[in-house]
PDB file of all heavy atoms in Angstrom:
ATOM      1  N   GLU A   1     -47.092-114.158  48.667  1.00  0.00           N
ATOM      2  CA  GLU A   1     -47.800-113.191  47.829  1.00  0.00           C
ATOM      3  C   GLU A   1     -49.291-113.571  47.688  1.00  0.00           C
ATOM      4  O   GLU A   1     -50.165-112.701  47.717  1.00  0.00           O
ATOM      5  CB  GLU A   1     -47.159-113.128  46.442  1.00  0.00           C
ATOM      6  CG  GLU A   1     -45.680-112.741  46.457  1.00  0.00           C
ATOM      7  CD  GLU A   1     -45.453-111.348  46.992  1.00  0.00           C
ATOM      8  OE1 GLU A   1     -46.344-110.499  46.846  1.00  0.00           O
ATOM      9  OE2 GLU A   1     -44.364-111.094  47.560  1.00  0.00           O
ATOM     10  N   LEU A   2     -49.559-114.881  47.550  1.00  0.00           N
ATOM     11  CA  LEU A   2     -50.952-115.327  47.440  1.00  0.00           C
ATOM     12  C   LEU A   2     -51.726-115.015  48.708  1.00  0.00           C
ATOM     13  O   LEU A   2     -52.884-114.583  48.635  1.00  0.00           O
ATOM     14  CB  LEU A   2     -50.982-116.836  47.158  1.00  0.00           C
ATOM     15  CG  LEU A   2     -50.559-117.328  45.767  1.00  0.00           C
ATOM     16  CD1 LEU A   2     -50.600-118.839  45.711  1.00  0.00           C
ATOM     17  CD2 LEU A   2     -51.477-116.740  44.710  1.00  0.00           C
ATOM     18  N   LEU A   3     -51.105-115.233  49.835  1.00  0.00           N
ATOM     19  CA  LEU A   3     -51.768-114.956  51.108  1.00  0.00           C
ATOM     20  C   LEU A   3     -52.090-113.482  51.259  1.00  0.00           C
ATOM     21  O   LEU A   3     -53.183-113.109  51.669  1.00  0.00           O
ATOM     22  CB  LEU A   3     -50.884-115.392  52.286  1.00  0.00           C
ATOM     23  CG  LEU A   3     -50.719-116.911  52.481  1.00  0.00           C
ATOM     24  CD1 LEU A   3     -49.582-117.201  53.459  1.00  0.00           C
ATOM     25  CD2 LEU A   3     -52.012-117.515  52.978  1.00  0.00           C
ATOM     26  N   LEU A   4     -51.135-112.625  50.877  1.00  0.00           N
ATOM     27  CA  LEU A   4     -51.337-111.192  50.967  1.00  0.00           C
ATOM     28  C   LEU A   4     -52.472-110.739  50.046  1.00  0.00           C
ATOM     29  O   LEU A   4     -53.324-109.925  50.439  1.00  0.00           O
ATOM     30  CB  LEU A   4     -50.050-110.457  50.611  1.00  0.00           C
ATOM     31  CG  LEU A   4     -48.893-110.595  51.637  1.00  0.00           C
ATOM     32  CD1 LEU A   4     -47.617-109.998  51.068  1.00  0.00           C
ATOM     33  CD2 LEU A   4     -49.271-109.915  52.951  1.00  0.00           C
ATOM     34  N   ARG A   5     -52.492-111.249  48.832  1.00  0.00           N
ATOM     35  CA  ARG A   5     -53.552-110.870  47.886  1.00  0.00           C
ATOM     36  C   ARG A   5     -54.914-111.324  48.327  1.00  0.00           C
ATOM     37  O   ARG A   5     -55.918-110.699  48.005  1.00  0.00           O
ATOM     38  CB  ARG A   5     -53.231-111.408  46.489  1.00  0.00           C
ATOM     39  CG  ARG A   5     -52.070-110.706  45.787  1.00  0.00           C
ATOM     40  CD  ARG A   5     -52.154-110.879  44.279  1.00  0.00           C
ATOM     41  NE  ARG A   5     -51.949-112.265  43.924  1.00  0.00           N
ATOM     42  CZ  ARG A   5     -50.760-112.798  43.653  1.00  0.00           C
ATOM     43  NH1 ARG A   5     -49.668-112.057  43.727  1.00  0.00           N
ATOM     44  NH2 ARG A   5     -50.644-114.066  43.290  1.00  0.00           N
ATOM     45  N   ALA A   6     -54.947-112.422  49.089  1.00  0.00           N
ATOM     46  CA  ALA A   6     -56.222-112.936  49.589  1.00  0.00           C
ATOM     47  C   ALA A   6     -56.669-112.275  50.862  1.00  0.00           C
ATOM     48  O   ALA A   6     -57.753-112.563  51.405  1.00  0.00           O
ATOM     49  CB  ALA A   6     -56.102-114.463  49.810  1.00  0.00           C
ATOM     50  N   GLY A   7     -55.862-111.335  51.354  1.00  0.00           N
ATOM     51  CA  GLY A   7     -56.250-110.584  52.554  1.00  0.00           C
ATOM     52  C   GLY A   7     -55.946-111.292  53.864  1.00  0.00           C
ATOM     53  O   GLY A   7     -56.483-110.899  54.909  1.00  0.00           O
ATOM     54  N   PHE A   8     -55.081-112.329  53.832  1.00  0.00           N
ATOM     55  CA  PHE A   8     -54.705-112.994  55.061  1.00  0.00           C
ATOM     56  C   PHE A   8     -53.647-112.165  55.787  1.00  0.00           C
ATOM     57  O   PHE A   8     -52.486-112.122  55.375  1.00  0.00           O
ATOM     58  CB  PHE A   8     -54.165-114.397  54.746  1.00  0.00           C
ATOM     59  CG  PHE A   8     -55.209-115.469  54.699  1.00  0.00           C
ATOM     60  CD1 PHE A   8     -56.214-115.443  53.757  1.00  0.00           C
ATOM     61  CD2 PHE A   8     -55.228-116.468  55.677  1.00  0.00           C
ATOM     62  CE1 PHE A   8     -57.199-116.426  53.739  1.00  0.00           C
ATOM     63  CE2 PHE A   8     -56.207-117.453  55.668  1.00  0.00           C
ATOM     64  CZ  PHE A   8     -57.200-117.435  54.702  1.00  0.00           C
ATOM     65  N   ALA A   9     -54.061-111.542  56.863  1.00  0.00           N
ATOM     66  CA  ALA A   9     -53.175-110.694  57.647  1.00  0.00           C
ATOM     67  C   ALA A   9     -52.554-111.439  58.811  1.00  0.00           C
ATOM     68  O   ALA A   9     -51.938-110.831  59.693  1.00  0.00           O
ATOM     69  CB  ALA A   9     -53.916-109.449  58.138  1.00  0.00           C
ATOM     70  N   HIS A  10     -52.722-112.740  58.846  1.00  0.00           N
ATOM     71  CA  HIS A  10     -52.210-113.570  59.952  1.00  0.00           C
ATOM     72  C   HIS A  10     -50.679-113.429  60.026  1.00  0.00           C
ATOM     73  O   HIS A  10     -50.004-113.313  59.012  1.00  0.00           O
ATOM     74  CB  HIS A  10     -52.534-115.043  59.738  1.00  0.00           C
ATOM     75  CG  HIS A  10     -53.985-115.322  59.610  1.00  0.00           C
ATOM     76  ND1 HIS A  10     -54.728-114.969  58.508  1.00  0.00           N
ATOM     77  CD2 HIS A  10     -54.863-115.935  60.461  1.00  0.00           C
ATOM     78  CE1 HIS A  10     -55.990-115.344  58.684  1.00  0.00           C
ATOM     79  NE2 HIS A  10     -56.086-115.914  59.888  1.00  0.00           N
ATOM     80  N   PRO A  11     -50.148-113.474  61.237  1.00  0.00           N
ATOM     81  CA  PRO A  11     -48.679-113.530  61.367  1.00  0.00           C
ATOM     82  C   PRO A  11     -48.157-114.701  60.565  1.00  0.00           C
ATOM     83  O   PRO A  11     -48.680-115.816  60.696  1.00  0.00           O
ATOM     84  CB  PRO A  11     -48.453-113.697  62.872  1.00  0.00           C
ATOM     85  CG  PRO A  11     -49.703-113.163  63.503  1.00  0.00           C
ATOM     86  CD  PRO A  11     -50.803-113.520  62.563  1.00  0.00           C
ATOM     87  N   LEU A  12     -47.137-114.487  59.782  1.00  0.00           N
ATOM     88  CA  LEU A  12     -46.614-115.540  58.888  1.00  0.00           C
ATOM     89  C   LEU A  12     -45.204-115.921  59.304  1.00  0.00           C
ATOM     90  O   LEU A  12     -44.311-115.083  59.397  1.00  0.00           O
ATOM     91  CB  LEU A  12     -46.601-115.035  57.437  1.00  0.00           C
ATOM     92  CG  LEU A  12     -45.916-115.945  56.407  1.00  0.00           C
ATOM     93  CD1 LEU A  12     -46.729-117.240  56.255  1.00  0.00           C
ATOM     94  CD2 LEU A  12     -45.774-115.240  55.071  1.00  0.00           C
ATOM     95  N   ILE A  13     -45.036-117.215  59.535  1.00  0.00           N
ATOM     96  CA  ILE A  13     -43.724-117.769  59.839  1.00  0.00           C
ATOM     97  C   ILE A  13     -43.252-118.533  58.602  1.00  0.00           C
ATOM     98  O   ILE A  13     -43.909-119.465  58.147  1.00  0.00           O
ATOM     99  CB  ILE A  13     -43.782-118.699  61.058  1.00  0.00           C
ATOM    100  CG1 ILE A  13     -44.273-117.952  62.286  1.00  0.00           C
ATOM    101  CG2 ILE A  13     -42.405-119.347  61.308  1.00  0.00           C
ATOM    102  CD1 ILE A  13     -44.614-118.842  63.439  1.00  0.00           C
ATOM    103  N   VAL A  14     -42.128-118.102  58.051  1.00  0.00           N
ATOM    104  CA  VAL A  14     -41.607-118.737  56.844  1.00  0.00           C
ATOM    105  C   VAL A  14     -40.471-119.691  57.200  1.00  0.00           C
ATOM    106  O   VAL A  14     -39.533-119.319  57.889  1.00  0.00           O
ATOM    107  CB  VAL A  14     -41.055-117.658  55.857  1.00  0.00           C
ATOM    108  CG1 VAL A  14     -40.410-118.343  54.654  1.00  0.00           C
ATOM    109  CG2 VAL A  14     -42.185-116.724  55.414  1.00  0.00           C
ATOM    110  N   LEU A  15     -40.625-120.960  56.786  1.00  0.00           N
ATOM    111  CA  LEU A  15     -39.592-121.966  56.949  1.00  0.00           C
ATOM    112  C   LEU A  15     -38.885-122.121  55.635  1.00  0.00           C
ATOM    113  O   LEU A  15     -39.498-122.325  54.617  1.00  0.00           O
ATOM    114  CB  LEU A  15     -40.206-123.320  57.384  1.00  0.00           C
ATOM    115  CG  LEU A  15     -41.090-123.362  58.627  1.00  0.00           C
ATOM    116  CD1 LEU A  15     -41.532-124.809  58.853  1.00  0.00           C
ATOM    117  CD2 LEU A  15     -40.389-122.794  59.825  1.00  0.00           C
ATOM    118  N   THR A  16     -37.562-122.031  55.677  1.00  0.00           N
ATOM    119  CA  THR A  16     -36.823-122.183  54.428  1.00  0.00           C
ATOM    120  C   THR A  16     -35.508-122.908  54.659  1.00  0.00           C
ATOM    121  O   THR A  16     -34.812-122.689  55.648  1.00  0.00           O
ATOM    122  CB  THR A  16     -36.525-120.808  53.765  1.00  0.00           C
ATOM    123  OG1 THR A  16     -35.728-121.013  52.608  1.00  0.00           O
ATOM    124  CG2 THR A  16     -35.795-119.883  54.724  1.00  0.00           C
ATOM    125  N   GLY A  17     -35.196-123.808  53.709  1.00  0.00           N
ATOM    126  CA  GLY A  17     -33.907-124.493  53.756  1.00  0.00           C
ATOM    127  C   GLY A  17     -32.958-123.827  52.812  1.00  0.00           C
ATOM    128  O   GLY A  17     -31.838-124.328  52.583  1.00  0.00           O
ATOM    129  N   TYR A  18     -33.418-122.735  52.192  1.00  0.00           N
ATOM    130  CA  TYR A  18     -32.592-122.017  51.214  1.00  0.00           C
ATOM    131  C   TYR A  18     -32.335-120.632  51.773  1.00  0.00           C
ATOM    132  O   TYR A  18     -32.917-119.629  51.395  1.00  0.00           O
ATOM    133  CB  TYR A  18     -33.348-121.929  49.884  1.00  0.00           C
ATOM    134  CG  TYR A  18     -33.921-123.243  49.438  1.00  0.00           C
ATOM    135  CD1 TYR A  18     -35.285-123.521  49.615  1.00  0.00           C
ATOM    136  CD2 TYR A  18     -33.106-124.203  48.845  1.00  0.00           C
ATOM    137  CE1 TYR A  18     -35.805-124.743  49.225  1.00  0.00           C
ATOM    138  CE2 TYR A  18     -33.642-125.428  48.447  1.00  0.00           C
ATOM    139  CZ  TYR A  18     -34.981-125.687  48.653  1.00  0.00           C
ATOM    140  OH  TYR A  18     -35.507-126.893  48.244  1.00  0.00           O
ATOM    141  N   GLY A  19     -31.439-120.585  52.756  1.00  0.00           N
ATOM    142  CA  GLY A  19     -31.126-119.304  53.386  1.00  0.00           C
ATOM    143  C   GLY A  19     -30.517-118.321  52.435  1.00  0.00           C
ATOM    144  O   GLY A  19     -30.038-118.660  51.345  1.00  0.00           O
ATOM    145  N   GLY A  20     -30.568-117.089  52.775  1.00  0.00           N
ATOM    146  CA  GLY A  20     -30.034-116.035  51.947  1.00  0.00           C
ATOM    147  C   GLY A  20     -30.597-114.718  52.373  1.00  0.00           C
ATOM    148  O   GLY A  20     -31.766-114.626  52.782  1.00  0.00           O
ATOM    149  N   VAL A  21     -29.780-113.678  52.261  1.00  0.00           N
ATOM    150  CA  VAL A  21     -30.221-112.355  52.681  1.00  0.00           C
ATOM    151  C   VAL A  21     -31.409-111.889  51.871  1.00  0.00           C
ATOM    152  O   VAL A  21     -32.373-111.326  52.393  1.00  0.00           O
ATOM    153  CB  VAL A  21     -29.040-111.348  52.576  1.00  0.00           C
ATOM    154  CG1 VAL A  21     -29.542-109.937  52.892  1.00  0.00           C
ATOM    155  CG2 VAL A  21     -27.922-111.742  53.514  1.00  0.00           C
ATOM    156  N   ALA A  22     -31.367-112.117  50.573  1.00  0.00           N
ATOM    157  CA  ALA A  22     -32.448-111.640  49.691  1.00  0.00           C
ATOM    158  C   ALA A  22     -33.799-112.235  50.090  1.00  0.00           C
ATOM    159  O   ALA A  22     -34.821-111.537  50.129  1.00  0.00           O
ATOM    160  CB  ALA A  22     -32.135-111.953  48.234  1.00  0.00           C
ATOM    161  N   VAL A  23     -33.800-113.533  50.356  1.00  0.00           N
ATOM    162  CA  VAL A  23     -35.036-114.213  50.730  1.00  0.00           C
ATOM    163  C   VAL A  23     -35.562-113.657  52.047  1.00  0.00           C
ATOM    164  O   VAL A  23     -36.740-113.363  52.207  1.00  0.00           O
ATOM    165  CB  VAL A  23     -34.828-115.742  50.824  1.00  0.00           C
ATOM    166  CG1 VAL A  23     -36.080-116.406  51.398  1.00  0.00           C
ATOM    167  CG2 VAL A  23     -34.506-116.313  49.461  1.00  0.00           C
ATOM    168  N   ALA A  24     -34.674-113.560  53.036  1.00  0.00           N
ATOM    169  CA  ALA A  24     -35.050-113.084  54.345  1.00  0.00           C
ATOM    170  C   ALA A  24     -35.607-111.660  54.287  1.00  0.00           C
ATOM    171  O   ALA A  24     -36.666-111.354  54.864  1.00  0.00           O
ATOM    172  CB  ALA A  24     -33.885-113.154  55.323  1.00  0.00           C
ATOM    173  N   VAL A  25     -34.869-110.799  53.598  1.00  0.00           N
ATOM    174  CA  VAL A  25     -35.295-109.376  53.497  1.00  0.00           C
ATOM    175  C   VAL A  25     -36.649-109.254  52.807  1.00  0.00           C
ATOM    176  O   VAL A  25     -37.543-108.554  53.242  1.00  0.00           O
ATOM    177  CB  VAL A  25     -34.226-108.536  52.778  1.00  0.00           C
ATOM    178  CG1 VAL A  25     -34.764-107.154  52.449  1.00  0.00           C
ATOM    179  CG2 VAL A  25     -32.972-108.427  53.630  1.00  0.00           C
TER     180      VAL A  25
END
């Protein structure tokens, strides 16, 4: 959310050890 508000339109790769449909979606 911080990146989006700052106008960073870079492709974002999210690494997470807390899998879940809600997080992914």
